[in-house]
N, C-alpha and C. Protein backbone atom coordinates (compact mmCIF):
# COMPACT_ATOMS: atom_id res chain seq x y z
N MET A 1 0.83 -1.18 0.00
CA MET A 1 0.00 0.00 0.00
C MET A 1 0.88 1.25 0.00
N LYS A 2 0.38 2.28 -0.65
CA LYS A 2 1.09 3.55 -0.67
C LYS A 2 0.36 4.54 0.23
N TYR A 3 1.14 5.30 0.97
CA TYR A 3 0.60 6.26 1.92
C TYR A 3 1.34 7.59 1.82
N ILE A 4 0.66 8.66 2.23
CA ILE A 4 1.28 9.98 2.38
C ILE A 4 0.71 10.59 3.65
N TYR A 5 1.60 10.93 4.59
CA TYR A 5 1.20 11.52 5.87
C TYR A 5 1.98 12.79 6.12
N PRO A 6 1.34 13.75 6.80
CA PRO A 6 2.08 14.94 7.19
C PRO A 6 2.97 14.65 8.41
N ALA A 7 4.15 15.23 8.36
CA ALA A 7 5.09 15.12 9.47
C ALA A 7 5.45 16.52 9.94
N VAL A 8 5.76 16.63 11.23
CA VAL A 8 6.22 17.90 11.78
C VAL A 8 7.70 17.76 12.10
N PHE A 9 8.48 18.65 11.52
CA PHE A 9 9.93 18.69 11.74
C PHE A 9 10.21 19.81 12.74
N VAL A 10 10.92 19.47 13.80
CA VAL A 10 11.25 20.44 14.84
C VAL A 10 12.77 20.64 14.82
N LYS A 11 13.20 21.88 14.56
CA LYS A 11 14.63 22.18 14.57
C LYS A 11 15.08 22.30 16.01
N GLU A 12 16.06 21.47 16.37
CA GLU A 12 16.61 21.50 17.73
C GLU A 12 18.07 21.91 17.66
N GLU A 13 18.70 22.08 18.80
CA GLU A 13 20.11 22.50 18.83
C GLU A 13 21.02 21.51 18.10
N THR A 14 20.71 20.23 18.23
CA THR A 14 21.60 19.21 17.67
C THR A 14 21.06 18.54 16.41
N GLY A 15 20.00 19.06 15.84
CA GLY A 15 19.45 18.44 14.64
C GLY A 15 17.96 18.63 14.53
N PHE A 16 17.26 17.55 14.16
CA PHE A 16 15.82 17.62 13.93
C PHE A 16 15.11 16.46 14.63
N PHE A 17 13.96 16.78 15.18
CA PHE A 17 13.03 15.78 15.71
C PHE A 17 11.84 15.77 14.75
N VAL A 18 11.35 14.57 14.40
CA VAL A 18 10.23 14.45 13.46
C VAL A 18 9.15 13.59 14.08
N ASN A 19 7.90 14.05 14.00
CA ASN A 19 6.78 13.24 14.48
C ASN A 19 5.63 13.33 13.50
N PHE A 20 4.77 12.32 13.56
CA PHE A 20 3.60 12.22 12.71
C PHE A 20 2.37 12.37 13.60
N PRO A 21 1.69 13.51 13.55
CA PRO A 21 0.55 13.77 14.45
C PRO A 21 -0.57 12.74 14.35
N ASP A 22 -0.73 12.11 13.20
CA ASP A 22 -1.82 11.15 13.02
C ASP A 22 -1.50 9.75 13.54
N LEU A 23 -0.23 9.50 13.85
CA LEU A 23 0.20 8.14 14.20
C LEU A 23 0.93 8.15 15.53
N LYS A 24 0.28 7.64 16.54
CA LYS A 24 0.86 7.59 17.88
C LYS A 24 2.13 6.74 17.86
N GLY A 25 3.18 7.25 18.46
CA GLY A 25 4.43 6.51 18.57
C GLY A 25 5.26 6.50 17.30
N CYS A 26 4.92 7.35 16.34
CA CYS A 26 5.66 7.40 15.08
C CYS A 26 6.51 8.67 15.07
N TYR A 27 7.78 8.53 15.41
CA TYR A 27 8.68 9.68 15.48
C TYR A 27 10.12 9.22 15.30
N THR A 28 10.99 10.15 15.01
CA THR A 28 12.41 9.86 14.84
C THR A 28 13.19 11.16 15.01
N ASP A 29 14.51 11.08 14.90
CA ASP A 29 15.34 12.27 14.93
C ASP A 29 16.59 12.05 14.08
N ALA A 30 17.29 13.14 13.82
CA ALA A 30 18.51 13.05 13.02
C ALA A 30 19.34 14.31 13.23
N ASP A 31 20.61 14.22 12.86
CA ASP A 31 21.52 15.36 13.00
C ASP A 31 21.33 16.41 11.92
N ASP A 32 20.85 15.98 10.73
CA ASP A 32 20.67 16.94 9.64
C ASP A 32 19.34 16.69 8.94
N LEU A 33 18.92 17.65 8.13
CA LEU A 33 17.61 17.60 7.51
C LEU A 33 17.46 16.44 6.52
N ALA A 34 18.47 16.19 5.72
CA ALA A 34 18.38 15.10 4.73
C ALA A 34 18.18 13.76 5.43
N THR A 35 18.92 13.53 6.47
CA THR A 35 18.79 12.28 7.22
C THR A 35 17.44 12.22 7.93
N ALA A 36 16.97 13.36 8.39
CA ALA A 36 15.66 13.41 9.06
C ALA A 36 14.56 12.98 8.09
N TYR A 37 14.62 13.43 6.84
CA TYR A 37 13.63 13.00 5.84
C TYR A 37 13.71 11.50 5.59
N GLU A 38 14.93 10.97 5.44
CA GLU A 38 15.11 9.53 5.22
C GLU A 38 14.55 8.72 6.38
N ARG A 39 14.89 9.13 7.59
CA ARG A 39 14.42 8.40 8.77
C ARG A 39 12.91 8.53 8.96
N ALA A 40 12.37 9.69 8.59
CA ALA A 40 10.92 9.88 8.69
C ALA A 40 10.21 8.89 7.77
N LYS A 41 10.71 8.75 6.57
CA LYS A 41 10.11 7.81 5.62
C LYS A 41 10.22 6.38 6.15
N ASP A 42 11.36 6.05 6.71
CA ASP A 42 11.59 4.71 7.23
C ASP A 42 10.67 4.40 8.41
N VAL A 43 10.58 5.32 9.36
CA VAL A 43 9.73 5.06 10.54
C VAL A 43 8.26 5.03 10.15
N LEU A 44 7.86 5.86 9.19
CA LEU A 44 6.48 5.84 8.72
C LEU A 44 6.15 4.47 8.13
N CYS A 45 7.04 3.97 7.29
CA CYS A 45 6.80 2.65 6.69
C CYS A 45 6.76 1.56 7.74
N LEU A 46 7.66 1.60 8.70
CA LEU A 46 7.70 0.58 9.74
C LEU A 46 6.42 0.58 10.57
N VAL A 47 5.96 1.75 10.98
CA VAL A 47 4.74 1.85 11.79
C VAL A 47 3.52 1.37 11.00
N LEU A 48 3.38 1.82 9.76
CA LEU A 48 2.23 1.42 8.94
C LEU A 48 2.28 -0.06 8.59
N TYR A 49 3.45 -0.58 8.35
CA TYR A 49 3.66 -2.01 8.09
C TYR A 49 3.15 -2.83 9.27
N ASN A 50 3.53 -2.41 10.47
CA ASN A 50 3.08 -3.11 11.68
C ASN A 50 1.57 -2.99 11.87
N MET A 51 1.03 -1.83 11.55
CA MET A 51 -0.42 -1.64 11.68
C MET A 51 -1.17 -2.53 10.68
N GLU A 52 -0.65 -2.65 9.47
CA GLU A 52 -1.26 -3.54 8.47
C GLU A 52 -1.26 -4.98 8.97
N ASP A 53 -0.14 -5.40 9.54
CA ASP A 53 -0.03 -6.79 10.02
C ASP A 53 -0.99 -7.07 11.17
N LYS A 54 -1.21 -6.08 12.03
CA LYS A 54 -2.12 -6.27 13.15
C LYS A 54 -3.57 -6.20 12.72
N GLY A 55 -3.83 -5.61 11.54
CA GLY A 55 -5.17 -5.57 10.99
C GLY A 55 -6.14 -4.65 11.72
N GLY A 56 -5.62 -3.74 12.51
CA GLY A 56 -6.50 -2.88 13.29
C GLY A 56 -7.09 -1.71 12.56
N GLY A 57 -6.63 -1.39 11.43
CA GLY A 57 -7.12 -0.20 10.75
C GLY A 57 -6.10 0.91 10.86
N ILE A 58 -5.99 1.67 9.81
CA ILE A 58 -5.00 2.73 9.73
C ILE A 58 -5.73 4.06 9.66
N PRO A 59 -5.36 5.02 10.53
CA PRO A 59 -6.06 6.30 10.52
C PRO A 59 -5.79 7.07 9.23
N ALA A 60 -6.78 7.83 8.81
CA ALA A 60 -6.63 8.66 7.62
C ALA A 60 -5.64 9.79 7.93
N PRO A 61 -4.84 10.17 6.95
CA PRO A 61 -3.91 11.28 7.18
C PRO A 61 -4.65 12.62 7.23
N SER A 62 -4.16 13.50 8.06
CA SER A 62 -4.72 14.86 8.14
C SER A 62 -4.34 15.65 6.90
N ASP A 63 -5.13 16.66 6.60
CA ASP A 63 -4.76 17.62 5.57
C ASP A 63 -3.56 18.40 6.11
N ILE A 64 -2.53 18.52 5.33
CA ILE A 64 -1.31 19.19 5.82
C ILE A 64 -1.58 20.62 6.25
N GLN A 65 -2.57 21.26 5.67
CA GLN A 65 -2.89 22.64 6.04
C GLN A 65 -3.49 22.74 7.44
N SER A 66 -3.99 21.63 7.96
CA SER A 66 -4.57 21.66 9.31
C SER A 66 -3.54 21.33 10.39
N VAL A 67 -2.33 20.97 9.99
CA VAL A 67 -1.28 20.61 10.95
C VAL A 67 -0.66 21.88 11.52
N LYS A 68 -0.75 22.00 12.82
CA LYS A 68 -0.23 23.19 13.51
C LYS A 68 1.26 23.03 13.76
N THR A 69 2.00 24.10 13.53
CA THR A 69 3.43 24.10 13.82
C THR A 69 3.77 25.33 14.66
N GLY A 70 4.81 25.20 15.45
CA GLY A 70 5.24 26.29 16.30
C GLY A 70 6.53 26.89 15.80
N GLU A 71 7.17 27.63 16.67
CA GLU A 71 8.45 28.24 16.35
C GLU A 71 9.49 27.14 16.11
N ASN A 72 10.31 27.33 15.12
CA ASN A 72 11.36 26.37 14.73
C ASN A 72 10.77 25.03 14.27
N GLU A 73 9.55 25.06 13.74
CA GLU A 73 8.89 23.85 13.24
C GLU A 73 8.34 24.10 11.84
N PHE A 74 8.25 23.04 11.06
CA PHE A 74 7.56 23.11 9.78
C PHE A 74 6.96 21.74 9.50
N SER A 75 5.96 21.69 8.64
CA SER A 75 5.36 20.41 8.28
C SER A 75 5.70 20.08 6.84
N SER A 76 5.71 18.79 6.56
CA SER A 76 6.00 18.31 5.22
C SER A 76 5.31 16.97 5.03
N LEU A 77 4.96 16.68 3.79
CA LEU A 77 4.36 15.37 3.49
C LEU A 77 5.46 14.34 3.28
N ILE A 78 5.25 13.17 3.87
CA ILE A 78 6.18 12.05 3.72
C ILE A 78 5.39 10.89 3.14
N ASP A 79 5.97 10.25 2.12
CA ASP A 79 5.30 9.11 1.50
C ASP A 79 6.06 7.83 1.79
N CYS A 80 5.33 6.73 1.69
CA CYS A 80 5.97 5.42 1.82
C CYS A 80 5.13 4.38 1.10
N ASP A 81 5.77 3.29 0.77
CA ASP A 81 5.12 2.17 0.10
C ASP A 81 5.43 0.92 0.93
N THR A 82 4.45 0.45 1.69
CA THR A 82 4.69 -0.68 2.57
C THR A 82 4.95 -1.98 1.80
N MET A 83 4.44 -2.08 0.57
CA MET A 83 4.71 -3.28 -0.22
C MET A 83 6.20 -3.34 -0.58
N GLU A 84 6.77 -2.22 -0.99
CA GLU A 84 8.20 -2.18 -1.29
C GLU A 84 9.01 -2.46 -0.02
N TYR A 85 8.56 -1.93 1.09
CA TYR A 85 9.21 -2.16 2.38
C TYR A 85 9.20 -3.65 2.71
N ARG A 86 8.06 -4.29 2.51
CA ARG A 86 7.95 -5.73 2.77
C ARG A 86 8.91 -6.52 1.89
N LYS A 87 8.94 -6.20 0.61
CA LYS A 87 9.80 -6.92 -0.32
C LYS A 87 11.27 -6.80 0.07
N PHE A 88 11.66 -5.62 0.58
CA PHE A 88 13.05 -5.38 0.92
C PHE A 88 13.45 -6.01 2.25
N TYR A 89 12.58 -5.92 3.25
CA TYR A 89 12.95 -6.34 4.60
C TYR A 89 12.44 -7.72 5.02
N ASP A 90 11.36 -8.18 4.48
CA ASP A 90 10.78 -9.44 4.96
C ASP A 90 11.09 -10.56 3.98
N LYS A 91 12.22 -11.20 4.17
CA LYS A 91 12.68 -12.26 3.29
C LYS A 91 12.40 -13.66 3.85
N ARG A 92 11.61 -13.72 4.94
CA ARG A 92 11.32 -15.01 5.56
C ARG A 92 10.55 -15.90 4.59
N ALA A 93 10.87 -17.18 4.64
CA ALA A 93 10.09 -18.16 3.88
C ALA A 93 9.04 -18.75 4.81
N VAL A 94 7.85 -18.95 4.29
CA VAL A 94 6.75 -19.51 5.06
C VAL A 94 6.34 -20.81 4.40
N LYS A 95 6.31 -21.88 5.18
CA LYS A 95 5.93 -23.18 4.65
C LYS A 95 4.42 -23.27 4.54
N LYS A 96 3.93 -23.71 3.38
CA LYS A 96 2.51 -23.89 3.13
C LYS A 96 2.26 -25.31 2.66
N THR A 97 1.21 -25.90 3.15
CA THR A 97 0.79 -27.23 2.70
C THR A 97 -0.40 -27.03 1.77
N LEU A 98 -0.35 -27.67 0.61
CA LEU A 98 -1.44 -27.52 -0.33
C LEU A 98 -1.70 -28.85 -1.03
N SER A 99 -2.82 -28.92 -1.70
CA SER A 99 -3.21 -30.14 -2.39
C SER A 99 -3.42 -29.84 -3.87
N ILE A 100 -2.89 -30.72 -4.71
CA ILE A 100 -3.11 -30.64 -6.16
C ILE A 100 -3.44 -32.05 -6.65
N PRO A 101 -4.07 -32.17 -7.80
CA PRO A 101 -4.37 -33.51 -8.32
C PRO A 101 -3.09 -34.30 -8.58
N SER A 102 -3.15 -35.58 -8.36
CA SER A 102 -1.99 -36.46 -8.53
C SER A 102 -1.40 -36.36 -9.92
N TRP A 103 -2.26 -36.38 -10.94
CA TRP A 103 -1.76 -36.33 -12.32
C TRP A 103 -0.99 -35.04 -12.59
N LEU A 104 -1.42 -33.90 -11.96
CA LEU A 104 -0.74 -32.63 -12.14
C LEU A 104 0.62 -32.65 -11.44
N ASN A 105 0.65 -33.27 -10.27
CA ASN A 105 1.90 -33.42 -9.53
C ASN A 105 2.91 -34.21 -10.34
N THR A 106 2.47 -35.32 -10.93
CA THR A 106 3.36 -36.18 -11.72
C THR A 106 3.91 -35.41 -12.91
N MET A 107 3.05 -34.71 -13.63
CA MET A 107 3.51 -33.95 -14.80
C MET A 107 4.51 -32.86 -14.40
N ALA A 108 4.23 -32.17 -13.31
CA ALA A 108 5.12 -31.10 -12.87
C ALA A 108 6.47 -31.66 -12.42
N GLU A 109 6.45 -32.75 -11.66
CA GLU A 109 7.70 -33.37 -11.23
C GLU A 109 8.51 -33.86 -12.43
N ASN A 110 7.84 -34.48 -13.41
CA ASN A 110 8.54 -34.99 -14.60
C ASN A 110 9.17 -33.88 -15.42
N SER A 111 8.59 -32.69 -15.36
CA SER A 111 9.16 -31.58 -16.12
C SER A 111 10.20 -30.80 -15.31
N GLY A 112 10.41 -31.21 -14.05
CA GLY A 112 11.44 -30.58 -13.22
C GLY A 112 11.05 -29.22 -12.66
N MET A 113 9.76 -28.98 -12.54
CA MET A 113 9.29 -27.68 -12.03
C MET A 113 9.64 -27.50 -10.56
N ASN A 114 9.93 -26.26 -10.22
CA ASN A 114 10.15 -25.87 -8.84
C ASN A 114 8.80 -25.39 -8.31
N PHE A 115 8.15 -26.20 -7.48
CA PHE A 115 6.81 -25.90 -7.00
C PHE A 115 6.74 -24.55 -6.27
N SER A 116 7.74 -24.28 -5.44
CA SER A 116 7.74 -23.03 -4.68
C SER A 116 7.79 -21.82 -5.62
N GLN A 117 8.64 -21.89 -6.64
CA GLN A 117 8.77 -20.76 -7.56
C GLN A 117 7.50 -20.57 -8.38
N VAL A 118 6.89 -21.68 -8.82
CA VAL A 118 5.65 -21.59 -9.60
C VAL A 118 4.55 -20.95 -8.76
N LEU A 119 4.44 -21.37 -7.51
CA LEU A 119 3.41 -20.81 -6.63
C LEU A 119 3.67 -19.32 -6.38
N GLN A 120 4.92 -18.95 -6.12
CA GLN A 120 5.25 -17.55 -5.90
C GLN A 120 4.89 -16.71 -7.13
N ASP A 121 5.28 -17.19 -8.31
CA ASP A 121 4.99 -16.46 -9.54
C ASP A 121 3.49 -16.30 -9.75
N ALA A 122 2.74 -17.36 -9.51
CA ALA A 122 1.29 -17.32 -9.69
C ALA A 122 0.63 -16.36 -8.70
N LEU A 123 1.07 -16.39 -7.44
CA LEU A 123 0.51 -15.49 -6.43
C LEU A 123 0.80 -14.03 -6.77
N LYS A 124 2.03 -13.75 -7.21
CA LYS A 124 2.38 -12.38 -7.59
C LYS A 124 1.53 -11.90 -8.76
N GLN A 125 1.32 -12.79 -9.73
CA GLN A 125 0.50 -12.43 -10.88
C GLN A 125 -0.94 -12.15 -10.45
N GLN A 126 -1.49 -13.02 -9.64
CA GLN A 126 -2.88 -12.86 -9.17
C GLN A 126 -3.06 -11.58 -8.34
N LEU A 127 -2.04 -11.24 -7.54
CA LEU A 127 -2.12 -10.08 -6.67
C LEU A 127 -1.66 -8.78 -7.34
N GLY A 128 -1.09 -8.92 -8.51
CA GLY A 128 -0.63 -7.74 -9.25
C GLY A 128 0.58 -7.08 -8.62
N VAL A 129 1.46 -7.89 -8.02
CA VAL A 129 2.68 -7.34 -7.41
C VAL A 129 3.93 -7.89 -8.07
């Protein structure tokens, strides 16, 4: 899934603190602005990834114009793609048991097919990923 959320960047003596008003516990910091943007994107993806896995529902992002900022603060939109995040970080293999007709199994084995790869390819095609 692709998301865009407003973040508040707070300029501090030693760098930047970043938080996402719509997402409790979603914050980070960095010594410089470029790193703050990178880390903001990373923490946003991590938090939303975990929320997707828990299945609890993800809050809608606020309109950036409604986000209040104070002195030494500014807001910016941060985007992330949790599907790309999953592909990059979650390389675990999961064992699945399935049933296919015997004749199909024989034909596939005789042709030297890799069942895991065929299933992965088919699932990706069906899901459009």
